[in-house]
Structures are given as structure tokens and as C-alpha cells.
Amino acid sequence: MTPADISRIIEMAWEDRTPFEAIERLYGLSEPQVINLMRKEMKASSFRMWRKRMSGRKTKHLQLRHPDISRGYCATQYKHR
């Protein structure tokens, strides 16, 4: 995996509305593999903060999401130049 891929996975993992399933679809990493990557790539305190934030968050799992949420990001999230 390239440094750019790792950076993007970390960014996606921090995003509230990006489910782990999207990361798996794009990069082939399951939720436990994403957790291991985050543990390896982040400072311990940042990892603990991320885990606390993600624990129980319904938007990080497609099966727990409200049916009205059909995309993983806000339409204005990606700005074009």
C-alpha cells in the first residue's frame, strides 16, 4: 500500500459518514484490519481517541445506518478547483 493509500484510509476511517464497508470495497481491508492499521499508523493517544469516537457509531456500519442515508459523504465535501 502506498503512503497516499494509507493516508486516505486514515481519512476515511475518521469520517463519521464513511462506513467500514466502503473502505473494504475500495482497499480490501476489513474493519479489524482498518483498526490494526490505525493502531500502527497513529500515536497511541490519537488511536484511543478514534476508537472511543467510533465505538457504537451507527454511521460507520451500513447495516446500522438509517435507510435515508445513501452515500458516504456530503455532496459538498470534495471541492473542485
PDB file of N, CA and C in Angstrom:
ATOM      1  N   MET A   1       0.836  -1.174   0.000  1.00  0.00           N
ATOM      2  CA  MET A   1       0.000   0.000   0.000  1.00  0.00           C
ATOM      3  C   MET A   1       0.890   1.249   0.000  1.00  0.00           C
ATOM      4  N   THR A   2       0.516   2.231  -0.794  1.00  0.00           N
ATOM      5  CA  THR A   2       1.310   3.458  -0.870  1.00  0.00           C
ATOM      6  C   THR A   2       1.011   4.355   0.330  1.00  0.00           C
ATOM      7  N   PRO A   3       1.905   5.282   0.634  1.00  0.00           N
ATOM      8  CA  PRO A   3       1.622   6.256   1.698  1.00  0.00           C
ATOM      9  C   PRO A   3       0.328   7.041   1.427  1.00  0.00           C
ATOM     10  N   ALA A   4       0.044   7.319   0.158  1.00  0.00           N
ATOM     11  CA  ALA A   4      -1.195   8.035  -0.190  1.00  0.00           C
ATOM     12  C   ALA A   4      -2.418   7.177   0.136  1.00  0.00           C
ATOM     13  N   ASP A   5      -2.335   5.864  -0.125  1.00  0.00           N
ATOM     14  CA  ASP A   5      -3.438   4.954   0.211  1.00  0.00           C
ATOM     15  C   ASP A   5      -3.664   4.919   1.723  1.00  0.00           C
ATOM     16  N   ILE A   6      -2.595   4.796   2.469  1.00  0.00           N
ATOM     17  CA  ILE A   6      -2.692   4.755   3.925  1.00  0.00           C
ATOM     18  C   ILE A   6      -3.303   6.044   4.444  1.00  0.00           C
ATOM     19  N   SER A   7      -2.863   7.162   3.915  1.00  0.00           N
ATOM     20  CA  SER A   7      -3.399   8.458   4.321  1.00  0.00           C
ATOM     21  C   SER A   7      -4.898   8.543   4.038  1.00  0.00           C
ATOM     22  N   ARG A   8      -5.308   8.071   2.871  1.00  0.00           N
ATOM     23  CA  ARG A   8      -6.730   8.124   2.507  1.00  0.00           C
ATOM     24  C   ARG A   8      -7.555   7.182   3.382  1.00  0.00           C
ATOM     25  N   ILE A   9      -7.032   6.017   3.707  1.00  0.00           N
ATOM     26  CA  ILE A   9      -7.749   5.092   4.588  1.00  0.00           C
ATOM     27  C   ILE A   9      -7.944   5.711   5.962  1.00  0.00           C
ATOM     28  N   ILE A  10      -6.899   6.341   6.490  1.00  0.00           N
ATOM     29  CA  ILE A  10      -6.998   7.010   7.788  1.00  0.00           C
ATOM     30  C   ILE A  10      -8.040   8.121   7.723  1.00  0.00           C
ATOM     31  N   GLU A  11      -8.017   8.894   6.663  1.00  0.00           N
ATOM     32  CA  GLU A  11      -9.002   9.967   6.487  1.00  0.00           C
ATOM     33  C   GLU A  11     -10.424   9.399   6.446  1.00  0.00           C
ATOM     34  N   MET A  12     -10.617   8.332   5.684  1.00  0.00           N
ATOM     35  CA  MET A  12     -11.945   7.715   5.584  1.00  0.00           C
ATOM     36  C   MET A  12     -12.386   7.142   6.927  1.00  0.00           C
ATOM     37  N   ALA A  13     -11.448   6.559   7.670  1.00  0.00           N
ATOM     38  CA  ALA A  13     -11.783   5.982   8.973  1.00  0.00           C
ATOM     39  C   ALA A  13     -12.218   7.055   9.961  1.00  0.00           C
ATOM     40  N   TRP A  14     -11.655   8.249   9.859  1.00  0.00           N
ATOM     41  CA  TRP A  14     -12.033   9.353  10.747  1.00  0.00           C
ATOM     42  C   TRP A  14     -13.373   9.965  10.368  1.00  0.00           C
ATOM     43  N   GLU A  15     -13.765   9.866   9.107  1.00  0.00           N
ATOM     44  CA  GLU A  15     -15.015  10.472   8.658  1.00  0.00           C
ATOM     45  C   GLU A  15     -16.205   9.757   9.283  1.00  0.00           C
ATOM     46  N   ASP A  16     -17.126  10.520   9.833  1.00  0.00           N
ATOM     47  CA  ASP A  16     -18.283   9.935  10.510  1.00  0.00           C
ATOM     48  C   ASP A  16     -19.178   9.144   9.574  1.00  0.00           C
ATOM     49  N   ARG A  17     -19.359   9.617   8.364  1.00  0.00           N
ATOM     50  CA  ARG A  17     -20.338   9.002   7.473  1.00  0.00           C
ATOM     51  C   ARG A  17     -19.757   8.000   6.486  1.00  0.00           C
ATOM     52  N   THR A  18     -18.475   7.738   6.558  1.00  0.00           N
ATOM     53  CA  THR A  18     -17.867   6.744   5.664  1.00  0.00           C
ATOM     54  C   THR A  18     -17.862   5.398   6.381  1.00  0.00           C
ATOM     55  N   PRO A  19     -18.650   4.440   5.902  1.00  0.00           N
ATOM     56  CA  PRO A  19     -18.708   3.140   6.581  1.00  0.00           C
ATOM     57  C   PRO A  19     -17.458   2.299   6.326  1.00  0.00           C
ATOM     58  N   PHE A  20     -17.194   1.395   7.250  1.00  0.00           N
ATOM     59  CA  PHE A  20     -16.065   0.486   7.083  1.00  0.00           C
ATOM     60  C   PHE A  20     -16.213  -0.337   5.804  1.00  0.00           C
ATOM     61  N   GLU A  21     -17.442  -0.613   5.410  1.00  0.00           N
ATOM     62  CA  GLU A  21     -17.678  -1.380   4.195  1.00  0.00           C
ATOM     63  C   GLU A  21     -17.153  -0.654   2.954  1.00  0.00           C
ATOM     64  N   ALA A  22     -17.202   0.677   2.951  1.00  0.00           N
ATOM     65  CA  ALA A  22     -16.673   1.451   1.823  1.00  0.00           C
ATOM     66  C   ALA A  22     -15.151   1.316   1.756  1.00  0.00           C
ATOM     67  N   ILE A  23     -14.508   1.325   2.911  1.00  0.00           N
ATOM     68  CA  ILE A  23     -13.053   1.145   2.955  1.00  0.00           C
ATOM     69  C   ILE A  23     -12.694  -0.251   2.450  1.00  0.00           C
ATOM     70  N   GLU A  24     -13.479  -1.233   2.870  1.00  0.00           N
ATOM     71  CA  GLU A  24     -13.211  -2.599   2.421  1.00  0.00           C
ATOM     72  C   GLU A  24     -13.407  -2.728   0.910  1.00  0.00           C
ATOM     73  N   ARG A  25     -14.450  -2.104   0.397  1.00  0.00           N
ATOM     74  CA  ARG A  25     -14.718  -2.166  -1.042  1.00  0.00           C
ATOM     75  C   ARG A  25     -13.584  -1.523  -1.836  1.00  0.00           C
ATOM     76  N   LEU A  26     -13.084  -0.389  -1.375  1.00  0.00           N
ATOM     77  CA  LEU A  26     -12.049   0.340  -2.116  1.00  0.00           C
ATOM     78  C   LEU A  26     -10.644  -0.214  -1.914  1.00  0.00           C
ATOM     79  N   TYR A  27     -10.344  -0.643  -0.680  1.00  0.00           N
ATOM     80  CA  TYR A  27      -8.963  -1.011  -0.360  1.00  0.00           C
ATOM     81  C   TYR A  27      -8.788  -2.465   0.080  1.00  0.00           C
ATOM     82  N   GLY A  28      -9.890  -3.208   0.214  1.00  0.00           N
ATOM     83  CA  GLY A  28      -9.792  -4.611   0.582  1.00  0.00           C
ATOM     84  C   GLY A  28      -9.452  -4.866   2.037  1.00  0.00           C
ATOM     85  N   LEU A  29      -9.631  -3.860   2.904  1.00  0.00           N
ATOM     86  CA  LEU A  29      -9.327  -4.018   4.324  1.00  0.00           C
ATOM     87  C   LEU A  29     -10.619  -4.160   5.117  1.00  0.00           C
ATOM     88  N   SER A  30     -10.716  -5.216   5.903  1.00  0.00           N
ATOM     89  CA  SER A  30     -11.877  -5.409   6.771  1.00  0.00           C
ATOM     90  C   SER A  30     -11.789  -4.437   7.948  1.00  0.00           C
ATOM     91  N   GLU A  31     -12.865  -4.349   8.719  1.00  0.00           N
ATOM     92  CA  GLU A  31     -12.853  -3.462   9.884  1.00  0.00           C
ATOM     93  C   GLU A  31     -11.700  -3.777  10.839  1.00  0.00           C
ATOM     94  N   PRO A  32     -11.465  -5.051  11.212  1.00  0.00           N
ATOM     95  CA  PRO A  32     -10.322  -5.331  12.098  1.00  0.00           C
ATOM     96  C   PRO A  32      -8.976  -4.924  11.483  1.00  0.00           C
ATOM     97  N   GLN A  33      -8.847  -5.063  10.167  1.00  0.00           N
ATOM     98  CA  GLN A  33      -7.603  -4.645   9.508  1.00  0.00           C
ATOM     99  C   GLN A  33      -7.452  -3.126   9.534  1.00  0.00           C
ATOM    100  N   VAL A  34      -8.552  -2.397   9.388  1.00  0.00           N
ATOM    101  CA  VAL A  34      -8.503  -0.929   9.477  1.00  0.00           C
ATOM    102  C   VAL A  34      -8.097  -0.528  10.892  1.00  0.00           C
ATOM    103  N   ILE A  35      -8.664  -1.194  11.881  1.00  0.00           N
ATOM    104  CA  ILE A  35      -8.316  -0.902  13.279  1.00  0.00           C
ATOM    105  C   ILE A  35      -6.823  -1.147  13.502  1.00  0.00           C
ATOM    106  N   ASN A  36      -6.301  -2.248  12.992  1.00  0.00           N
ATOM    107  CA  ASN A  36      -4.866  -2.532  13.138  1.00  0.00           C
ATOM    108  C   ASN A  36      -4.015  -1.484  12.429  1.00  0.00           C
ATOM    109  N   LEU A  37      -4.427  -1.065  11.237  1.00  0.00           N
ATOM    110  CA  LEU A  37      -3.696  -0.027  10.509  1.00  0.00           C
ATOM    111  C   LEU A  37      -3.697   1.279  11.297  1.00  0.00           C
ATOM    112  N   MET A  38      -4.860   1.630  11.851  1.00  0.00           N
ATOM    113  CA  MET A  38      -4.954   2.869  12.634  1.00  0.00           C
ATOM    114  C   MET A  38      -4.052   2.781  13.867  1.00  0.00           C
ATOM    115  N   ARG A  39      -4.048   1.638  14.520  1.00  0.00           N
ATOM    116  CA  ARG A  39      -3.200   1.447  15.709  1.00  0.00           C
ATOM    117  C   ARG A  39      -1.727   1.607  15.345  1.00  0.00           C
ATOM    118  N   LYS A  40      -1.338   1.059  14.198  1.00  0.00           N
ATOM    119  CA  LYS A  40       0.067   1.094  13.765  1.00  0.00           C
ATOM    120  C   LYS A  40       0.489   2.497  13.312  1.00  0.00           C
ATOM    121  N   GLU A  41      -0.392   3.209  12.629  1.00  0.00           N
ATOM    122  CA  GLU A  41      -0.025   4.471  11.991  1.00  0.00           C
ATOM    123  C   GLU A  41      -0.226   5.711  12.865  1.00  0.00           C
ATOM    124  N   MET A  42      -0.994   5.581  13.937  1.00  0.00           N
ATOM    125  CA  MET A  42      -1.309   6.753  14.759  1.00  0.00           C
ATOM    126  C   MET A  42      -0.592   6.692  16.103  1.00  0.00           C
ATOM    127  N   LYS A  43      -0.466   7.855  16.725  1.00  0.00           N
ATOM    128  CA  LYS A  43       0.024   7.887  18.099  1.00  0.00           C
ATOM    129  C   LYS A  43      -1.007   7.173  18.968  1.00  0.00           C
ATOM    130  N   ALA A  44      -0.551   6.594  20.071  1.00  0.00           N
ATOM    131  CA  ALA A  44      -1.450   5.830  20.948  1.00  0.00           C
ATOM    132  C   ALA A  44      -2.627   6.673  21.424  1.00  0.00           C
ATOM    133  N   SER A  45      -2.380   7.914  21.789  1.00  0.00           N
ATOM    134  CA  SER A  45      -3.468   8.765  22.288  1.00  0.00           C
ATOM    135  C   SER A  45      -4.471   9.086  21.179  1.00  0.00           C
ATOM    136  N   SER A  46      -3.996   9.289  19.972  1.00  0.00           N
ATOM    137  CA  SER A  46      -4.892   9.555  18.843  1.00  0.00           C
ATOM    138  C   SER A  46      -5.712   8.316  18.511  1.00  0.00           C
ATOM    139  N   PHE A  47      -5.078   7.149  18.581  1.00  0.00           N
ATOM    140  CA  PHE A  47      -5.794   5.905  18.323  1.00  0.00           C
ATOM    141  C   PHE A  47      -6.898   5.703  19.354  1.00  0.00           C
ATOM    142  N   ARG A  48      -6.586   5.921  20.634  1.00  0.00           N
ATOM    143  CA  ARG A  48      -7.603   5.769  21.682  1.00  0.00           C
ATOM    144  C   ARG A  48      -8.762   6.738  21.469  1.00  0.00           C
ATOM    145  N   MET A  49      -8.457   7.965  21.076  1.00  0.00           N
ATOM    146  CA  MET A  49      -9.498   8.947  20.810  1.00  0.00           C
ATOM    147  C   MET A  49     -10.376   8.494  19.636  1.00  0.00           C
ATOM    148  N   TRP A  50      -9.755   7.977  18.589  1.00  0.00           N
ATOM    149  CA  TRP A  50     -10.502   7.493  17.425  1.00  0.00           C
ATOM    150  C   TRP A  50     -11.397   6.318  17.801  1.00  0.00           C
ATOM    151  N   ARG A  51     -10.855   5.353  18.543  1.00  0.00           N
ATOM    152  CA  ARG A  51     -11.641   4.177  18.944  1.00  0.00           C
ATOM    153  C   ARG A  51     -12.831   4.596  19.799  1.00  0.00           C
ATOM    154  N   LYS A  52     -12.613   5.516  20.709  1.00  0.00           N
ATOM    155  CA  LYS A  52     -13.711   5.990  21.555  1.00  0.00           C
ATOM    156  C   LYS A  52     -14.782   6.654  20.694  1.00  0.00           C
ATOM    157  N   ARG A  53     -14.346   7.431  19.717  1.00  0.00           N
ATOM    158  CA  ARG A  53     -15.272   8.136  18.824  1.00  0.00           C
ATOM    159  C   ARG A  53     -16.051   7.162  17.930  1.00  0.00           C
ATOM    160  N   MET A  54     -15.402   6.106  17.458  1.00  0.00           N
ATOM    161  CA  MET A  54     -16.035   5.186  16.519  1.00  0.00           C
ATOM    162  C   MET A  54     -16.894   4.126  17.202  1.00  0.00           C
ATOM    163  N   SER A  55     -16.617   3.830  18.443  1.00  0.00           N
ATOM    164  CA  SER A  55     -17.357   2.772  19.134  1.00  0.00           C
ATOM    165  C   SER A  55     -18.841   3.085  19.186  1.00  0.00           C
ATOM    166  N   GLY A  56     -19.615   2.195  18.603  1.00  0.00           N
ATOM    167  CA  GLY A  56     -21.059   2.342  18.632  1.00  0.00           C
ATOM    168  C   GLY A  56     -21.632   3.352  17.651  1.00  0.00           C
ATOM    169  N   ARG A  57     -20.792   3.943  16.826  1.00  0.00           N
ATOM    170  CA  ARG A  57     -21.271   4.944  15.861  1.00  0.00           C
ATOM    171  C   ARG A  57     -22.006   4.227  14.738  1.00  0.00           C
ATOM    172  N   LYS A  58     -23.296   4.481  14.632  1.00  0.00           N
ATOM    173  CA  LYS A  58     -24.131   3.766  13.661  1.00  0.00           C
ATOM    174  C   LYS A  58     -23.749   4.058  12.217  1.00  0.00           C
ATOM    175  N   THR A  59     -23.222   5.232  11.940  1.00  0.00           N
ATOM    176  CA  THR A  59     -22.913   5.581  10.552  1.00  0.00           C
ATOM    177  C   THR A  59     -21.681   4.858  10.021  1.00  0.00           C
ATOM    178  N   LYS A  60     -20.909   4.199  10.867  1.00  0.00           N
ATOM    179  CA  LYS A  60     -19.709   3.500  10.413  1.00  0.00           C
ATOM    180  C   LYS A  60     -20.013   2.085   9.918  1.00  0.00           C
ATOM    181  N   HIS A  61     -21.271   1.661  10.006  1.00  0.00           N
ATOM    182  CA  HIS A  61     -21.667   0.336   9.546  1.00  0.00           C
ATOM    183  C   HIS A  61     -22.942   0.460   8.724  1.00  0.00           C
ATOM    184  N   LEU A  62     -22.898  -0.023   7.495  1.00  0.00           N
ATOM    185  CA  LEU A  62     -24.057   0.097   6.603  1.00  0.00           C
ATOM    186  C   LEU A  62     -25.313  -0.524   7.197  1.00  0.00           C
ATOM    187  N   GLN A  63     -25.182  -1.649   7.882  1.00  0.00           N
ATOM    188  CA  GLN A  63     -26.353  -2.339   8.417  1.00  0.00           C
ATOM    189  C   GLN A  63     -27.022  -1.553   9.540  1.00  0.00           C
ATOM    190  N   LEU A  64     -26.294  -0.681  10.212  1.00  0.00           N
ATOM    191  CA  LEU A  64     -26.859   0.081  11.323  1.00  0.00           C
ATOM    192  C   LEU A  64     -27.370   1.453  10.893  1.00  0.00           C
ATOM    193  N   ARG A  65     -27.080   1.843   9.672  1.00  0.00           N
ATOM    194  CA  ARG A  65     -27.464   3.167   9.186  1.00  0.00           C
ATOM    195  C   ARG A  65     -28.958   3.306   8.986  1.00  0.00           C
ATOM    196  N   HIS A  66     -29.413   4.514   9.116  1.00  0.00           N
ATOM    197  CA  HIS A  66     -30.793   4.837   8.783  1.00  0.00           C
ATOM    198  C   HIS A  66     -30.930   4.691   7.270  1.00  0.00           C
ATOM    199  N   PRO A  67     -32.042   4.139   6.785  1.00  0.00           N
ATOM    200  CA  PRO A  67     -32.200   3.912   5.347  1.00  0.00           C
ATOM    201  C   PRO A  67     -32.144   5.175   4.487  1.00  0.00           C
ATOM    202  N   ASP A  68     -32.367   6.344   5.079  1.00  0.00           N
ATOM    203  CA  ASP A  68     -32.327   7.592   4.314  1.00  0.00           C
ATOM    204  C   ASP A  68     -30.908   8.014   3.947  1.00  0.00           C
ATOM    205  N   ILE A  69     -29.905   7.436   4.599  1.00  0.00           N
ATOM    206  CA  ILE A  69     -28.511   7.773   4.307  1.00  0.00           C
ATOM    207  C   ILE A  69     -28.027   6.846   3.210  1.00  0.00           C
ATOM    208  N   SER A  70     -27.834   7.416   2.031  1.00  0.00           N
ATOM    209  CA  SER A  70     -27.486   6.567   0.889  1.00  0.00           C
ATOM    210  C   SER A  70     -26.080   6.810   0.355  1.00  0.00           C
ATOM    211  N   ARG A  71     -25.329   7.718   0.938  1.00  0.00           N
ATOM    212  CA  ARG A  71     -23.967   7.963   0.463  1.00  0.00           C
ATOM    213  C   ARG A  71     -23.045   8.129   1.663  1.00  0.00           C
ATOM    214  N   GLY A  72     -21.754   8.006   1.415  1.00  0.00           N
ATOM    215  CA  GLY A  72     -20.780   8.043   2.493  1.00  0.00           C
ATOM    216  C   GLY A  72     -20.173   9.400   2.741  1.00  0.00           C
ATOM    217  N   TYR A  73     -20.591  10.409   1.992  1.00  0.00           N
ATOM    218  CA  TYR A  73     -20.004  11.724   2.196  1.00  0.00           C
ATOM    219  C   TYR A  73     -21.001  12.801   1.814  1.00  0.00           C
ATOM    220  N   CYS A  74     -20.744  13.982   2.291  1.00  0.00           N
ATOM    221  CA  CYS A  74     -21.570  15.138   1.973  1.00  0.00           C
ATOM    222  C   CYS A  74     -21.295  15.568   0.537  1.00  0.00           C
ATOM    223  N   ALA A  75     -22.325  16.013  -0.159  1.00  0.00           N
ATOM    224  CA  ALA A  75     -22.164  16.408  -1.567  1.00  0.00           C
ATOM    225  C   ALA A  75     -21.166  17.540  -1.750  1.00  0.00           C
ATOM    226  N   THR A  76     -20.958  18.349  -0.731  1.00  0.00           N
ATOM    227  CA  THR A  76     -20.021  19.466  -0.829  1.00  0.00           C
ATOM    228  C   THR A  76     -18.649  19.150  -0.221  1.00  0.00           C
ATOM    229  N   GLN A  77     -18.440  17.893   0.181  1.00  0.00           N
ATOM    230  CA  GLN A  77     -17.193  17.514   0.838  1.00  0.00           C
ATOM    231  C   GLN A  77     -15.992  17.659  -0.068  1.00  0.00           C
ATOM    232  N   TYR A  78     -16.120  17.253  -1.314  1.00  0.00           N
ATOM    233  CA  TYR A  78     -14.977  17.285  -2.207  1.00  0.00           C
ATOM    234  C   TYR A  78     -15.057  18.526  -3.076  1.00  0.00           C
ATOM    235  N   LYS A  79     -14.121  19.411  -2.870  1.00  0.00           N
ATOM    236  CA  LYS A  79     -14.106  20.685  -3.581  1.00  0.00           C
ATOM    237  C   LYS A  79     -13.299  20.537  -4.870  1.00  0.00           C
ATOM    238  N   HIS A  80     -13.806  21.100  -5.940  1.00  0.00           N
ATOM    239  CA  HIS A  80     -13.119  21.043  -7.225  1.00  0.00           C
ATOM    240  C   HIS A  80     -12.463  22.383  -7.499  1.00  0.00           C
ATOM    241  N   ARG A  81     -11.313  22.345  -8.097  1.00  0.00           N
ATOM    242  CA  ARG A  81     -10.582  23.591  -8.397  1.00  0.00           C
ATOM    243  C   ARG A  81     -11.015  24.180  -9.690  1.00  0.00           C
TER     244      ARG A  81
END
